[in-house]
Amino acid sequence: MNGRADFREPNAEVPRPIPHIGADYIPTEEERRVFAECNDESFWFRSVPLAATSMLITQGLISKGILSSHPKYGSIPKLIFACIMGYFAGKLSYVKTCQEKFKNLENSPLGEALRSGQARRSLPPGHYSQKSKYDSNVSDQSSFVTSPAADNIEKEMQPRYEPIPFSASMNESTPTGITDHIAQGRNFS
């Protein structure tokens, strides 16, 4: 032994490591198929309709005189800009749907990383999936703690967060630092 006592439970479930998905990751055949499917569907079902709609709306605004056309190039620059924005808006709007497709893959490291990332984000703030050294060595072994004073010490060690109401931090009587007496005091004649 190394002089340290290990107080962990022998049958405790060890969390599976999250697979590292980096630039050097090579997707599986099934993941490649889903990538291609997501690319095609996002293009035909989101990007093309949004690009065409944004171009039609832009052309309508130009013809009504709400938007002005360029003196040399006419409406072409604004239509190209509307098309590009519609294309990217379509691609971005399909991201959640594509992520769900990857999460539904059975033996996919990318799907596993997305699922574990969702589980980590769904935890309440301040809650961590791994326990700290203090938690694993002291809190789990309540049989060693016999005095009520030890419980109070443990409660004092935890951080206290109290929300500050907005009205307490800024109200009508609080000066904001913005004054107009400088502009009133000077006469620029």
N, C-alpha and C. Protein backbone atom coordinates (compact mmCIF):
# COMPACT_ATOMS: atom_id res chain seq x y z
N MET A 1 0.84 -1.19 0.00
CA MET A 1 0.00 0.00 0.00
C MET A 1 0.87 1.23 0.00
N ASN A 2 0.34 2.31 -0.49
CA ASN A 2 1.09 3.54 -0.59
C ASN A 2 0.79 4.49 0.56
N GLY A 3 0.13 4.06 1.59
CA GLY A 3 -0.15 4.90 2.75
C GLY A 3 -1.49 5.62 2.65
N ARG A 4 -2.15 5.51 1.53
CA ARG A 4 -3.46 6.14 1.38
C ARG A 4 -4.54 5.08 1.47
N ALA A 5 -5.62 5.46 2.11
CA ALA A 5 -6.75 4.55 2.19
C ALA A 5 -7.68 4.82 1.01
N ASP A 6 -8.13 3.78 0.34
CA ASP A 6 -9.04 3.94 -0.78
C ASP A 6 -10.44 3.63 -0.27
N PHE A 7 -11.27 4.66 -0.18
CA PHE A 7 -12.61 4.49 0.40
C PHE A 7 -13.69 4.29 -0.65
N ARG A 8 -13.31 4.08 -1.90
CA ARG A 8 -14.32 3.88 -2.94
C ARG A 8 -14.96 2.52 -2.80
N GLU A 9 -16.20 2.44 -3.23
CA GLU A 9 -16.91 1.17 -3.19
C GLU A 9 -16.34 0.24 -4.24
N PRO A 10 -16.18 -1.04 -3.91
CA PRO A 10 -15.56 -1.96 -4.88
C PRO A 10 -16.44 -2.21 -6.11
N ASN A 11 -17.75 -2.12 -5.98
CA ASN A 11 -18.65 -2.41 -7.10
C ASN A 11 -19.21 -1.14 -7.74
N ALA A 12 -18.58 0.00 -7.48
CA ALA A 12 -19.08 1.25 -8.03
C ALA A 12 -18.91 1.25 -9.54
N GLU A 13 -19.89 1.80 -10.23
CA GLU A 13 -19.85 1.85 -11.68
C GLU A 13 -18.91 2.97 -12.11
N VAL A 14 -17.95 2.62 -12.94
CA VAL A 14 -16.99 3.59 -13.44
C VAL A 14 -17.55 4.16 -14.74
N PRO A 15 -17.62 5.50 -14.86
CA PRO A 15 -18.16 6.07 -16.09
C PRO A 15 -17.25 5.78 -17.27
N ARG A 16 -17.88 5.48 -18.42
CA ARG A 16 -17.11 5.19 -19.62
C ARG A 16 -16.46 6.46 -20.11
N PRO A 17 -15.22 6.38 -20.60
CA PRO A 17 -14.58 7.60 -21.11
C PRO A 17 -15.26 8.08 -22.38
N ILE A 18 -15.27 9.38 -22.54
CA ILE A 18 -15.85 9.98 -23.73
C ILE A 18 -14.83 9.84 -24.85
N PRO A 19 -15.25 9.31 -25.99
CA PRO A 19 -14.28 9.15 -27.07
C PRO A 19 -13.78 10.51 -27.54
N HIS A 20 -12.50 10.55 -27.87
CA HIS A 20 -11.89 11.79 -28.35
C HIS A 20 -12.12 11.90 -29.85
N ILE A 21 -12.90 12.89 -30.24
CA ILE A 21 -13.17 13.13 -31.66
C ILE A 21 -12.41 14.40 -32.02
N GLY A 22 -11.35 14.25 -32.77
CA GLY A 22 -10.54 15.40 -33.16
C GLY A 22 -10.39 15.47 -34.67
N ALA A 23 -9.44 16.27 -35.11
CA ALA A 23 -9.20 16.44 -36.54
C ALA A 23 -8.69 15.16 -37.18
N ASP A 24 -8.06 14.29 -36.40
CA ASP A 24 -7.51 13.05 -36.95
C ASP A 24 -8.51 11.89 -36.91
N TYR A 25 -9.75 12.15 -36.52
CA TYR A 25 -10.77 11.09 -36.43
C TYR A 25 -11.18 10.65 -37.83
N ILE A 26 -11.24 9.34 -38.05
CA ILE A 26 -11.68 8.78 -39.32
C ILE A 26 -13.06 8.18 -39.10
N PRO A 27 -14.08 8.72 -39.77
CA PRO A 27 -15.45 8.21 -39.56
C PRO A 27 -15.64 6.82 -40.14
N THR A 28 -16.58 6.09 -39.54
CA THR A 28 -16.92 4.77 -40.03
C THR A 28 -17.76 4.91 -41.30
N GLU A 29 -18.00 3.77 -41.97
CA GLU A 29 -18.80 3.79 -43.20
C GLU A 29 -20.22 4.28 -42.93
N GLU A 30 -20.79 3.85 -41.82
CA GLU A 30 -22.14 4.28 -41.47
C GLU A 30 -22.19 5.78 -41.19
N GLU A 31 -21.15 6.31 -40.53
CA GLU A 31 -21.08 7.74 -40.28
C GLU A 31 -20.91 8.53 -41.57
N ARG A 32 -20.12 8.00 -42.49
CA ARG A 32 -19.96 8.66 -43.80
C ARG A 32 -21.29 8.71 -44.55
N ARG A 33 -22.06 7.63 -44.45
CA ARG A 33 -23.36 7.59 -45.10
C ARG A 33 -24.28 8.65 -44.51
N VAL A 34 -24.26 8.80 -43.18
CA VAL A 34 -25.10 9.80 -42.52
C VAL A 34 -24.63 11.21 -42.86
N PHE A 35 -23.30 11.42 -42.96
CA PHE A 35 -22.78 12.72 -43.38
C PHE A 35 -23.31 13.09 -44.76
N ALA A 36 -23.22 12.15 -45.70
CA ALA A 36 -23.68 12.43 -47.06
C ALA A 36 -25.19 12.68 -47.09
N GLU A 37 -25.94 11.89 -46.31
CA GLU A 37 -27.39 12.07 -46.23
C GLU A 37 -27.74 13.44 -45.65
N CYS A 38 -27.04 13.83 -44.59
CA CYS A 38 -27.29 15.15 -43.98
C CYS A 38 -26.94 16.27 -44.95
N ASN A 39 -25.84 16.10 -45.68
CA ASN A 39 -25.43 17.13 -46.63
C ASN A 39 -26.47 17.29 -47.73
N ASP A 40 -26.94 16.18 -48.30
CA ASP A 40 -27.95 16.24 -49.36
C ASP A 40 -29.27 16.82 -48.86
N GLU A 41 -29.74 16.32 -47.71
CA GLU A 41 -31.03 16.78 -47.19
C GLU A 41 -30.98 18.25 -46.78
N SER A 42 -29.88 18.67 -46.17
CA SER A 42 -29.80 20.07 -45.77
C SER A 42 -29.75 20.98 -46.99
N PHE A 43 -29.11 20.52 -48.06
CA PHE A 43 -29.06 21.33 -49.28
C PHE A 43 -30.42 21.43 -49.94
N TRP A 44 -31.05 20.27 -50.22
CA TRP A 44 -32.29 20.29 -50.99
C TRP A 44 -33.51 20.71 -50.19
N PHE A 45 -33.56 20.38 -48.90
CA PHE A 45 -34.76 20.67 -48.12
C PHE A 45 -34.67 21.94 -47.29
N ARG A 46 -33.49 22.50 -47.10
CA ARG A 46 -33.37 23.73 -46.31
C ARG A 46 -32.68 24.85 -47.09
N SER A 47 -31.48 24.59 -47.63
CA SER A 47 -30.69 25.65 -48.25
C SER A 47 -31.32 26.20 -49.53
N VAL A 48 -31.73 25.32 -50.43
CA VAL A 48 -32.31 25.79 -51.69
C VAL A 48 -33.61 26.56 -51.45
N PRO A 49 -34.55 26.03 -50.64
CA PRO A 49 -35.76 26.82 -50.41
C PRO A 49 -35.51 28.16 -49.71
N LEU A 50 -34.61 28.18 -48.72
CA LEU A 50 -34.35 29.44 -48.03
C LEU A 50 -33.61 30.43 -48.92
N ALA A 51 -32.67 29.95 -49.73
CA ALA A 51 -31.96 30.84 -50.65
C ALA A 51 -32.91 31.43 -51.67
N ALA A 52 -33.79 30.58 -52.25
CA ALA A 52 -34.74 31.07 -53.25
C ALA A 52 -35.74 32.05 -52.63
N THR A 53 -36.21 31.74 -51.44
CA THR A 53 -37.16 32.64 -50.77
C THR A 53 -36.51 33.97 -50.43
N SER A 54 -35.29 33.93 -49.92
CA SER A 54 -34.63 35.19 -49.57
C SER A 54 -34.34 36.01 -50.82
N MET A 55 -34.01 35.36 -51.93
CA MET A 55 -33.79 36.10 -53.18
C MET A 55 -35.09 36.72 -53.69
N LEU A 56 -36.20 35.98 -53.61
CA LEU A 56 -37.48 36.53 -54.04
C LEU A 56 -37.91 37.72 -53.19
N ILE A 57 -37.73 37.61 -51.89
CA ILE A 57 -38.08 38.72 -50.99
C ILE A 57 -37.21 39.93 -51.27
N THR A 58 -35.91 39.70 -51.47
CA THR A 58 -34.99 40.81 -51.77
C THR A 58 -35.36 41.48 -53.08
N GLN A 59 -35.68 40.69 -54.11
CA GLN A 59 -36.07 41.28 -55.39
C GLN A 59 -37.38 42.06 -55.26
N GLY A 60 -38.29 41.53 -54.46
CA GLY A 60 -39.54 42.26 -54.22
C GLY A 60 -39.30 43.58 -53.50
N LEU A 61 -38.42 43.60 -52.53
CA LEU A 61 -38.10 44.83 -51.81
C LEU A 61 -37.39 45.84 -52.72
N ILE A 62 -36.57 45.35 -53.63
CA ILE A 62 -35.89 46.25 -54.57
C ILE A 62 -36.89 46.83 -55.57
N SER A 63 -37.81 45.99 -56.06
CA SER A 63 -38.78 46.48 -57.06
C SER A 63 -39.79 47.45 -56.44
N LYS A 64 -40.08 47.32 -55.14
CA LYS A 64 -40.98 48.26 -54.46
C LYS A 64 -40.27 49.55 -54.05
N GLY A 65 -38.95 49.55 -54.14
CA GLY A 65 -38.18 50.74 -53.79
C GLY A 65 -37.77 50.81 -52.34
N ILE A 66 -38.04 49.77 -51.57
CA ILE A 66 -37.63 49.74 -50.16
C ILE A 66 -36.12 49.58 -50.06
N LEU A 67 -35.56 48.72 -50.90
CA LEU A 67 -34.10 48.59 -51.03
C LEU A 67 -33.69 49.23 -52.35
N SER A 68 -32.55 49.86 -52.33
CA SER A 68 -32.08 50.50 -53.57
C SER A 68 -31.17 49.54 -54.31
N SER A 69 -31.18 49.65 -55.62
CA SER A 69 -30.28 48.83 -56.41
C SER A 69 -28.99 49.60 -56.66
N HIS A 70 -27.96 48.85 -56.95
CA HIS A 70 -26.65 49.45 -57.22
C HIS A 70 -26.72 50.18 -58.56
N PRO A 71 -26.11 51.39 -58.65
CA PRO A 71 -26.19 52.14 -59.91
C PRO A 71 -25.55 51.42 -61.10
N LYS A 72 -24.47 50.68 -60.85
CA LYS A 72 -23.78 50.02 -61.96
C LYS A 72 -24.22 48.57 -62.14
N TYR A 73 -24.38 47.83 -61.02
CA TYR A 73 -24.65 46.38 -61.10
C TYR A 73 -26.11 46.02 -60.90
N GLY A 74 -26.94 46.95 -60.55
CA GLY A 74 -28.36 46.68 -60.36
C GLY A 74 -28.64 45.91 -59.09
N SER A 75 -29.53 44.95 -59.16
CA SER A 75 -29.93 44.19 -57.97
C SER A 75 -29.06 42.96 -57.73
N ILE A 76 -28.13 42.67 -58.63
CA ILE A 76 -27.32 41.44 -58.55
C ILE A 76 -26.56 41.31 -57.23
N PRO A 77 -25.83 42.32 -56.72
CA PRO A 77 -25.09 42.13 -55.46
C PRO A 77 -25.99 41.78 -54.28
N LYS A 78 -27.14 42.43 -54.19
CA LYS A 78 -28.05 42.15 -53.07
C LYS A 78 -28.69 40.77 -53.22
N LEU A 79 -28.96 40.36 -54.43
CA LEU A 79 -29.52 39.03 -54.64
C LEU A 79 -28.49 37.94 -54.31
N ILE A 80 -27.24 38.16 -54.68
CA ILE A 80 -26.19 37.18 -54.35
C ILE A 80 -26.02 37.09 -52.84
N PHE A 81 -26.01 38.24 -52.17
CA PHE A 81 -25.88 38.25 -50.71
C PHE A 81 -27.06 37.51 -50.07
N ALA A 82 -28.29 37.76 -50.54
CA ALA A 82 -29.47 37.09 -50.00
C ALA A 82 -29.39 35.58 -50.24
N CYS A 83 -28.88 35.18 -51.41
CA CYS A 83 -28.74 33.76 -51.72
C CYS A 83 -27.75 33.09 -50.77
N ILE A 84 -26.61 33.74 -50.55
CA ILE A 84 -25.58 33.17 -49.66
C ILE A 84 -26.11 33.06 -48.23
N MET A 85 -26.78 34.10 -47.76
CA MET A 85 -27.33 34.07 -46.39
C MET A 85 -28.41 32.99 -46.26
N GLY A 86 -29.25 32.82 -47.27
CA GLY A 86 -30.26 31.76 -47.25
C GLY A 86 -29.64 30.38 -47.25
N TYR A 87 -28.57 30.23 -48.03
CA TYR A 87 -27.87 28.94 -48.09
C TYR A 87 -27.32 28.57 -46.71
N PHE A 88 -26.59 29.50 -46.08
CA PHE A 88 -26.01 29.19 -44.77
C PHE A 88 -27.07 29.05 -43.69
N ALA A 89 -28.14 29.82 -43.77
CA ALA A 89 -29.23 29.67 -42.80
C ALA A 89 -29.86 28.28 -42.93
N GLY A 90 -29.98 27.78 -44.16
CA GLY A 90 -30.52 26.44 -44.37
C GLY A 90 -29.61 25.36 -43.80
N LYS A 91 -28.31 25.52 -44.01
CA LYS A 91 -27.36 24.55 -43.47
C LYS A 91 -27.39 24.56 -41.94
N LEU A 92 -27.39 25.75 -41.35
CA LEU A 92 -27.40 25.85 -39.89
C LEU A 92 -28.70 25.34 -39.29
N SER A 93 -29.80 25.52 -40.00
CA SER A 93 -31.08 25.07 -39.45
C SER A 93 -31.20 23.55 -39.42
N TYR A 94 -30.34 22.86 -40.15
CA TYR A 94 -30.40 21.40 -40.21
C TYR A 94 -29.46 20.72 -39.23
N VAL A 95 -28.68 21.48 -38.47
CA VAL A 95 -27.67 20.90 -37.58
C VAL A 95 -28.30 20.00 -36.52
N LYS A 96 -29.35 20.45 -35.86
CA LYS A 96 -29.98 19.64 -34.80
C LYS A 96 -30.51 18.32 -35.36
N THR A 97 -31.13 18.36 -36.53
CA THR A 97 -31.67 17.14 -37.13
C THR A 97 -30.54 16.17 -37.45
N CYS A 98 -29.45 16.69 -37.95
CA CYS A 98 -28.31 15.84 -38.27
C CYS A 98 -27.69 15.24 -37.00
N GLN A 99 -27.60 16.03 -35.95
CA GLN A 99 -27.07 15.50 -34.69
C GLN A 99 -27.93 14.37 -34.17
N GLU A 100 -29.24 14.48 -34.30
CA GLU A 100 -30.13 13.40 -33.86
C GLU A 100 -29.89 12.13 -34.67
N LYS A 101 -29.61 12.27 -35.95
CA LYS A 101 -29.31 11.09 -36.77
C LYS A 101 -28.04 10.41 -36.27
N PHE A 102 -27.02 11.19 -35.90
CA PHE A 102 -25.79 10.58 -35.39
C PHE A 102 -26.01 9.96 -34.02
N LYS A 103 -26.84 10.58 -33.19
CA LYS A 103 -27.12 10.02 -31.87
C LYS A 103 -27.83 8.68 -31.96
N ASN A 104 -28.59 8.47 -33.03
CA ASN A 104 -29.33 7.22 -33.20
C ASN A 104 -28.49 6.08 -33.75
N LEU A 105 -27.26 6.36 -34.17
CA LEU A 105 -26.37 5.29 -34.65
C LEU A 105 -25.93 4.44 -33.47
N GLU A 106 -25.91 3.14 -33.67
CA GLU A 106 -25.60 2.21 -32.58
C GLU A 106 -24.12 2.19 -32.20
N ASN A 107 -23.26 1.80 -33.11
CA ASN A 107 -21.83 1.61 -32.80
C ASN A 107 -21.01 2.73 -33.40
N SER A 108 -21.33 3.96 -33.03
CA SER A 108 -20.66 5.11 -33.59
C SER A 108 -19.95 5.90 -32.49
N PRO A 109 -18.63 6.06 -32.58
CA PRO A 109 -17.94 6.90 -31.59
C PRO A 109 -18.43 8.35 -31.64
N LEU A 110 -18.74 8.83 -32.83
CA LEU A 110 -19.25 10.19 -32.97
C LEU A 110 -20.63 10.32 -32.32
N GLY A 111 -21.48 9.31 -32.53
CA GLY A 111 -22.79 9.31 -31.88
C GLY A 111 -22.68 9.22 -30.37
N GLU A 112 -21.71 8.42 -29.88
CA GLU A 112 -21.49 8.30 -28.44
C GLU A 112 -21.01 9.62 -27.86
N ALA A 113 -20.14 10.32 -28.57
CA ALA A 113 -19.65 11.62 -28.10
C ALA A 113 -20.79 12.63 -28.04
N LEU A 114 -21.68 12.61 -29.02
CA LEU A 114 -22.82 13.52 -29.01
C LEU A 114 -23.80 13.18 -27.89
N ARG A 115 -24.02 11.88 -27.67
CA ARG A 115 -24.92 11.48 -26.58
C ARG A 115 -24.35 11.86 -25.23
N SER A 116 -23.07 11.63 -25.01
CA SER A 116 -22.47 11.97 -23.72
C SER A 116 -22.37 13.47 -23.54
N GLY A 117 -22.18 14.21 -24.61
CA GLY A 117 -22.18 15.67 -24.52
C GLY A 117 -23.54 16.20 -24.14
N GLN A 118 -24.61 15.58 -24.63
CA GLN A 118 -25.96 15.98 -24.28
C GLN A 118 -26.25 15.66 -22.82
N ALA A 119 -25.77 14.52 -22.35
CA ALA A 119 -26.00 14.15 -20.95
C ALA A 119 -25.28 15.11 -20.03
N ARG A 120 -24.07 15.53 -20.42
CA ARG A 120 -23.30 16.44 -19.59
C ARG A 120 -23.97 17.81 -19.55
N ARG A 121 -24.54 18.27 -20.69
CA ARG A 121 -25.20 19.58 -20.72
C ARG A 121 -26.53 19.57 -19.98
N SER A 122 -27.17 18.40 -19.84
CA SER A 122 -28.48 18.36 -19.20
C SER A 122 -28.39 18.36 -17.68
N LEU A 123 -27.19 18.21 -17.12
CA LEU A 123 -27.04 18.25 -15.66
C LEU A 123 -27.26 19.67 -15.17
N PRO A 124 -27.77 19.83 -13.97
CA PRO A 124 -27.98 21.19 -13.46
C PRO A 124 -26.64 21.89 -13.25
N PRO A 125 -26.63 23.23 -13.30
CA PRO A 125 -25.38 23.96 -13.12
C PRO A 125 -24.76 23.67 -11.76
N GLY A 126 -23.46 23.56 -11.72
CA GLY A 126 -22.76 23.28 -10.48
C GLY A 126 -22.66 21.80 -10.17
N HIS A 127 -23.29 20.94 -10.97
CA HIS A 127 -23.24 19.51 -10.73
C HIS A 127 -22.25 18.90 -11.72
N TYR A 128 -21.30 18.17 -11.21
CA TYR A 128 -20.28 17.58 -12.06
C TYR A 128 -20.44 16.07 -12.05
N SER A 129 -20.13 15.45 -13.18
CA SER A 129 -20.31 14.00 -13.26
C SER A 129 -19.25 13.26 -12.45
N GLN A 130 -18.07 13.83 -12.32
CA GLN A 130 -17.04 13.20 -11.52
C GLN A 130 -16.98 13.88 -10.16
N LYS A 131 -16.81 13.08 -9.13
CA LYS A 131 -16.75 13.63 -7.79
C LYS A 131 -15.35 14.15 -7.51
N SER A 132 -15.26 15.14 -6.66
CA SER A 132 -13.95 15.64 -6.29
C SER A 132 -13.29 14.67 -5.32
N LYS A 133 -12.01 14.87 -5.05
CA LYS A 133 -11.28 14.00 -4.13
C LYS A 133 -11.93 14.06 -2.76
N TYR A 134 -12.36 15.25 -2.34
CA TYR A 134 -12.99 15.41 -1.03
C TYR A 134 -14.28 14.61 -0.95
N ASP A 135 -15.10 14.68 -2.00
CA ASP A 135 -16.37 13.95 -2.00
C ASP A 135 -16.16 12.45 -1.93
N SER A 136 -15.21 11.93 -2.72
CA SER A 136 -15.07 10.48 -2.77
C SER A 136 -14.42 9.92 -1.51
N ASN A 137 -13.60 10.70 -0.84
CA ASN A 137 -12.90 10.17 0.34
C ASN A 137 -13.67 10.40 1.63
N VAL A 138 -14.47 11.44 1.74
CA VAL A 138 -15.11 11.76 3.01
C VAL A 138 -16.61 11.58 2.96
N SER A 139 -17.26 12.12 1.95
CA SER A 139 -18.72 12.15 1.96
C SER A 139 -19.34 10.76 1.86
N ASP A 140 -18.72 9.88 1.07
CA ASP A 140 -19.30 8.56 0.89
C ASP A 140 -19.16 7.70 2.14
N GLN A 141 -18.28 8.05 3.05
CA GLN A 141 -18.04 7.24 4.23
C GLN A 141 -18.62 7.93 5.45
N SER A 142 -19.92 7.98 5.50
CA SER A 142 -20.58 8.65 6.62
C SER A 142 -20.40 7.87 7.92
N SER A 143 -19.97 6.59 7.86
CA SER A 143 -19.76 5.82 9.08
C SER A 143 -18.57 6.33 9.87
N PHE A 144 -17.63 7.02 9.22
CA PHE A 144 -16.48 7.56 9.92
C PHE A 144 -16.79 8.88 10.60
N VAL A 145 -17.82 9.57 10.14
CA VAL A 145 -18.18 10.88 10.69
C VAL A 145 -19.25 10.65 11.75
N THR A 146 -18.93 10.98 12.99
CA THR A 146 -19.88 10.71 14.06
C THR A 146 -20.39 11.97 14.74
N SER A 147 -19.69 13.08 14.59
CA SER A 147 -20.10 14.27 15.32
C SER A 147 -20.91 15.21 14.43
N PRO A 148 -21.88 15.92 15.01
CA PRO A 148 -22.64 16.90 14.23
C PRO A 148 -21.76 18.05 13.75
N ALA A 149 -20.66 18.33 14.44
CA ALA A 149 -19.77 19.41 14.03
C ALA A 149 -19.14 19.10 12.68
N ALA A 150 -18.87 17.84 12.41
CA ALA A 150 -18.29 17.45 11.14
C ALA A 150 -19.27 17.70 10.00
N ASP A 151 -20.56 17.48 10.25
CA ASP A 151 -21.57 17.78 9.24
C ASP A 151 -21.61 19.27 8.94
N ASN A 152 -21.47 20.10 9.97
CA ASN A 152 -21.47 21.55 9.76
C ASN A 152 -20.25 21.98 8.96
N ILE A 153 -19.11 21.37 9.21
CA ILE A 153 -17.90 21.70 8.47
C ILE A 153 -18.09 21.36 7.00
N GLU A 154 -18.70 20.19 6.73
CA GLU A 154 -18.94 19.80 5.35
C GLU A 154 -19.87 20.78 4.65
N LYS A 155 -20.90 21.26 5.33
CA LYS A 155 -21.83 22.22 4.75
C LYS A 155 -21.14 23.56 4.51
N GLU A 156 -20.22 23.94 5.40
CA GLU A 156 -19.51 25.20 5.24
C GLU A 156 -18.53 25.14 4.07
N MET A 157 -18.05 23.96 3.73
CA MET A 157 -17.08 23.82 2.64
C MET A 157 -17.75 24.03 1.28
N GLN A 158 -19.06 23.78 1.18
CA GLN A 158 -19.76 23.93 -0.08
C GLN A 158 -20.00 25.40 -0.35
N PRO A 159 -19.82 25.83 -1.61
CA PRO A 159 -20.02 27.25 -1.92
C PRO A 159 -21.49 27.64 -1.83
N ARG A 160 -21.71 28.86 -1.41
CA ARG A 160 -23.08 29.39 -1.33
C ARG A 160 -23.25 30.42 -2.42
N TYR A 161 -24.29 30.25 -3.20
CA TYR A 161 -24.59 31.20 -4.25
C TYR A 161 -25.98 31.75 -4.01
N GLU A 162 -26.03 33.04 -3.85
CA GLU A 162 -27.32 33.69 -3.68
C GLU A 162 -27.52 34.65 -4.84
N PRO A 163 -28.62 34.51 -5.55
CA PRO A 163 -28.84 35.39 -6.69
C PRO A 163 -29.11 36.83 -6.22
N ILE A 164 -28.58 37.77 -6.95
CA ILE A 164 -28.80 39.17 -6.64
C ILE A 164 -29.94 39.65 -7.53
N PRO A 165 -31.01 40.13 -6.94
CA PRO A 165 -32.12 40.59 -7.78
C PRO A 165 -31.69 41.82 -8.59
N PHE A 166 -32.24 41.93 -9.77
CA PHE A 166 -31.89 43.03 -10.65
C PHE A 166 -32.20 44.37 -10.02
N SER A 167 -33.33 44.45 -9.33
CA SER A 167 -33.74 45.73 -8.76
C SER A 167 -32.79 46.19 -7.65
N ALA A 168 -32.09 45.26 -7.00
CA ALA A 168 -31.17 45.64 -5.95
C ALA A 168 -29.87 46.21 -6.53
N SER A 169 -29.52 45.79 -7.73
CA SER A 169 -28.27 46.25 -8.30
C SER A 169 -28.43 47.53 -9.11
N MET A 170 -29.61 47.83 -9.58
CA MET A 170 -29.81 49.02 -10.40
C MET A 170 -31.23 49.51 -10.19
N ASN A 171 -31.36 50.70 -9.63
CA ASN A 171 -32.70 51.26 -9.49
C ASN A 171 -32.69 52.71 -9.92
N GLU A 172 -33.80 53.36 -9.78
CA GLU A 172 -33.94 54.73 -10.28
C GLU A 172 -33.06 55.72 -9.54
N SER A 173 -32.76 55.48 -8.28
CA SER A 173 -31.96 56.43 -7.52
C SER A 173 -30.46 56.22 -7.69
N THR A 174 -30.07 55.15 -8.37
CA THR A 174 -28.65 54.89 -8.58
C THR A 174 -28.15 55.73 -9.75
N PRO A 175 -27.08 56.51 -9.56
CA PRO A 175 -26.56 57.29 -10.68
C PRO A 175 -25.90 56.37 -11.71
N THR A 176 -26.10 56.69 -12.96
CA THR A 176 -25.54 55.86 -14.01
C THR A 176 -24.23 56.40 -14.54
N GLY A 177 -23.88 57.63 -14.18
CA GLY A 177 -22.65 58.21 -14.68
C GLY A 177 -22.84 58.98 -15.96
N ILE A 178 -24.02 58.91 -16.53
CA ILE A 178 -24.30 59.63 -17.76
C ILE A 178 -24.96 60.95 -17.37
N THR A 179 -24.30 62.02 -17.69
CA THR A 179 -24.86 63.33 -17.37
C THR A 179 -24.84 64.20 -18.60
N ASP A 180 -25.75 65.11 -18.64
CA ASP A 180 -25.79 66.02 -19.77
C ASP A 180 -25.43 67.44 -19.36
N HIS A 181 -24.88 67.64 -18.16
CA HIS A 181 -24.54 68.99 -17.73
C HIS A 181 -23.35 69.54 -18.48
N ILE A 182 -22.52 68.69 -19.08
CA ILE A 182 -21.37 69.15 -19.83
C ILE A 182 -21.86 69.83 -21.11
N ALA A 183 -22.81 69.19 -21.79
CA ALA A 183 -23.31 69.79 -23.02
C ALA A 183 -24.10 71.06 -22.74
N GLN A 184 -24.79 71.14 -21.61
CA GLN A 184 -25.56 72.32 -21.28
C GLN A 184 -24.65 73.47 -20.84
N GLY A 185 -23.56 73.18 -20.18
CA GLY A 185 -22.67 74.20 -19.63
C GLY A 185 -21.84 74.89 -20.68
N ARG A 186 -21.56 74.26 -21.80
CA ARG A 186 -20.72 74.87 -22.84
C ARG A 186 -21.57 75.59 -23.87
N ASN A 187 -21.06 76.69 -24.31
CA ASN A 187 -21.75 77.45 -25.33
C ASN A 187 -20.81 77.54 -26.52
N PHE A 188 -21.18 76.91 -27.64
CA PHE A 188 -20.32 76.83 -28.81
C PHE A 188 -20.70 77.90 -29.83
N SER A 189 -20.77 79.17 -29.45
CA SER A 189 -21.16 80.21 -30.39
C SER A 189 -19.98 80.79 -31.12
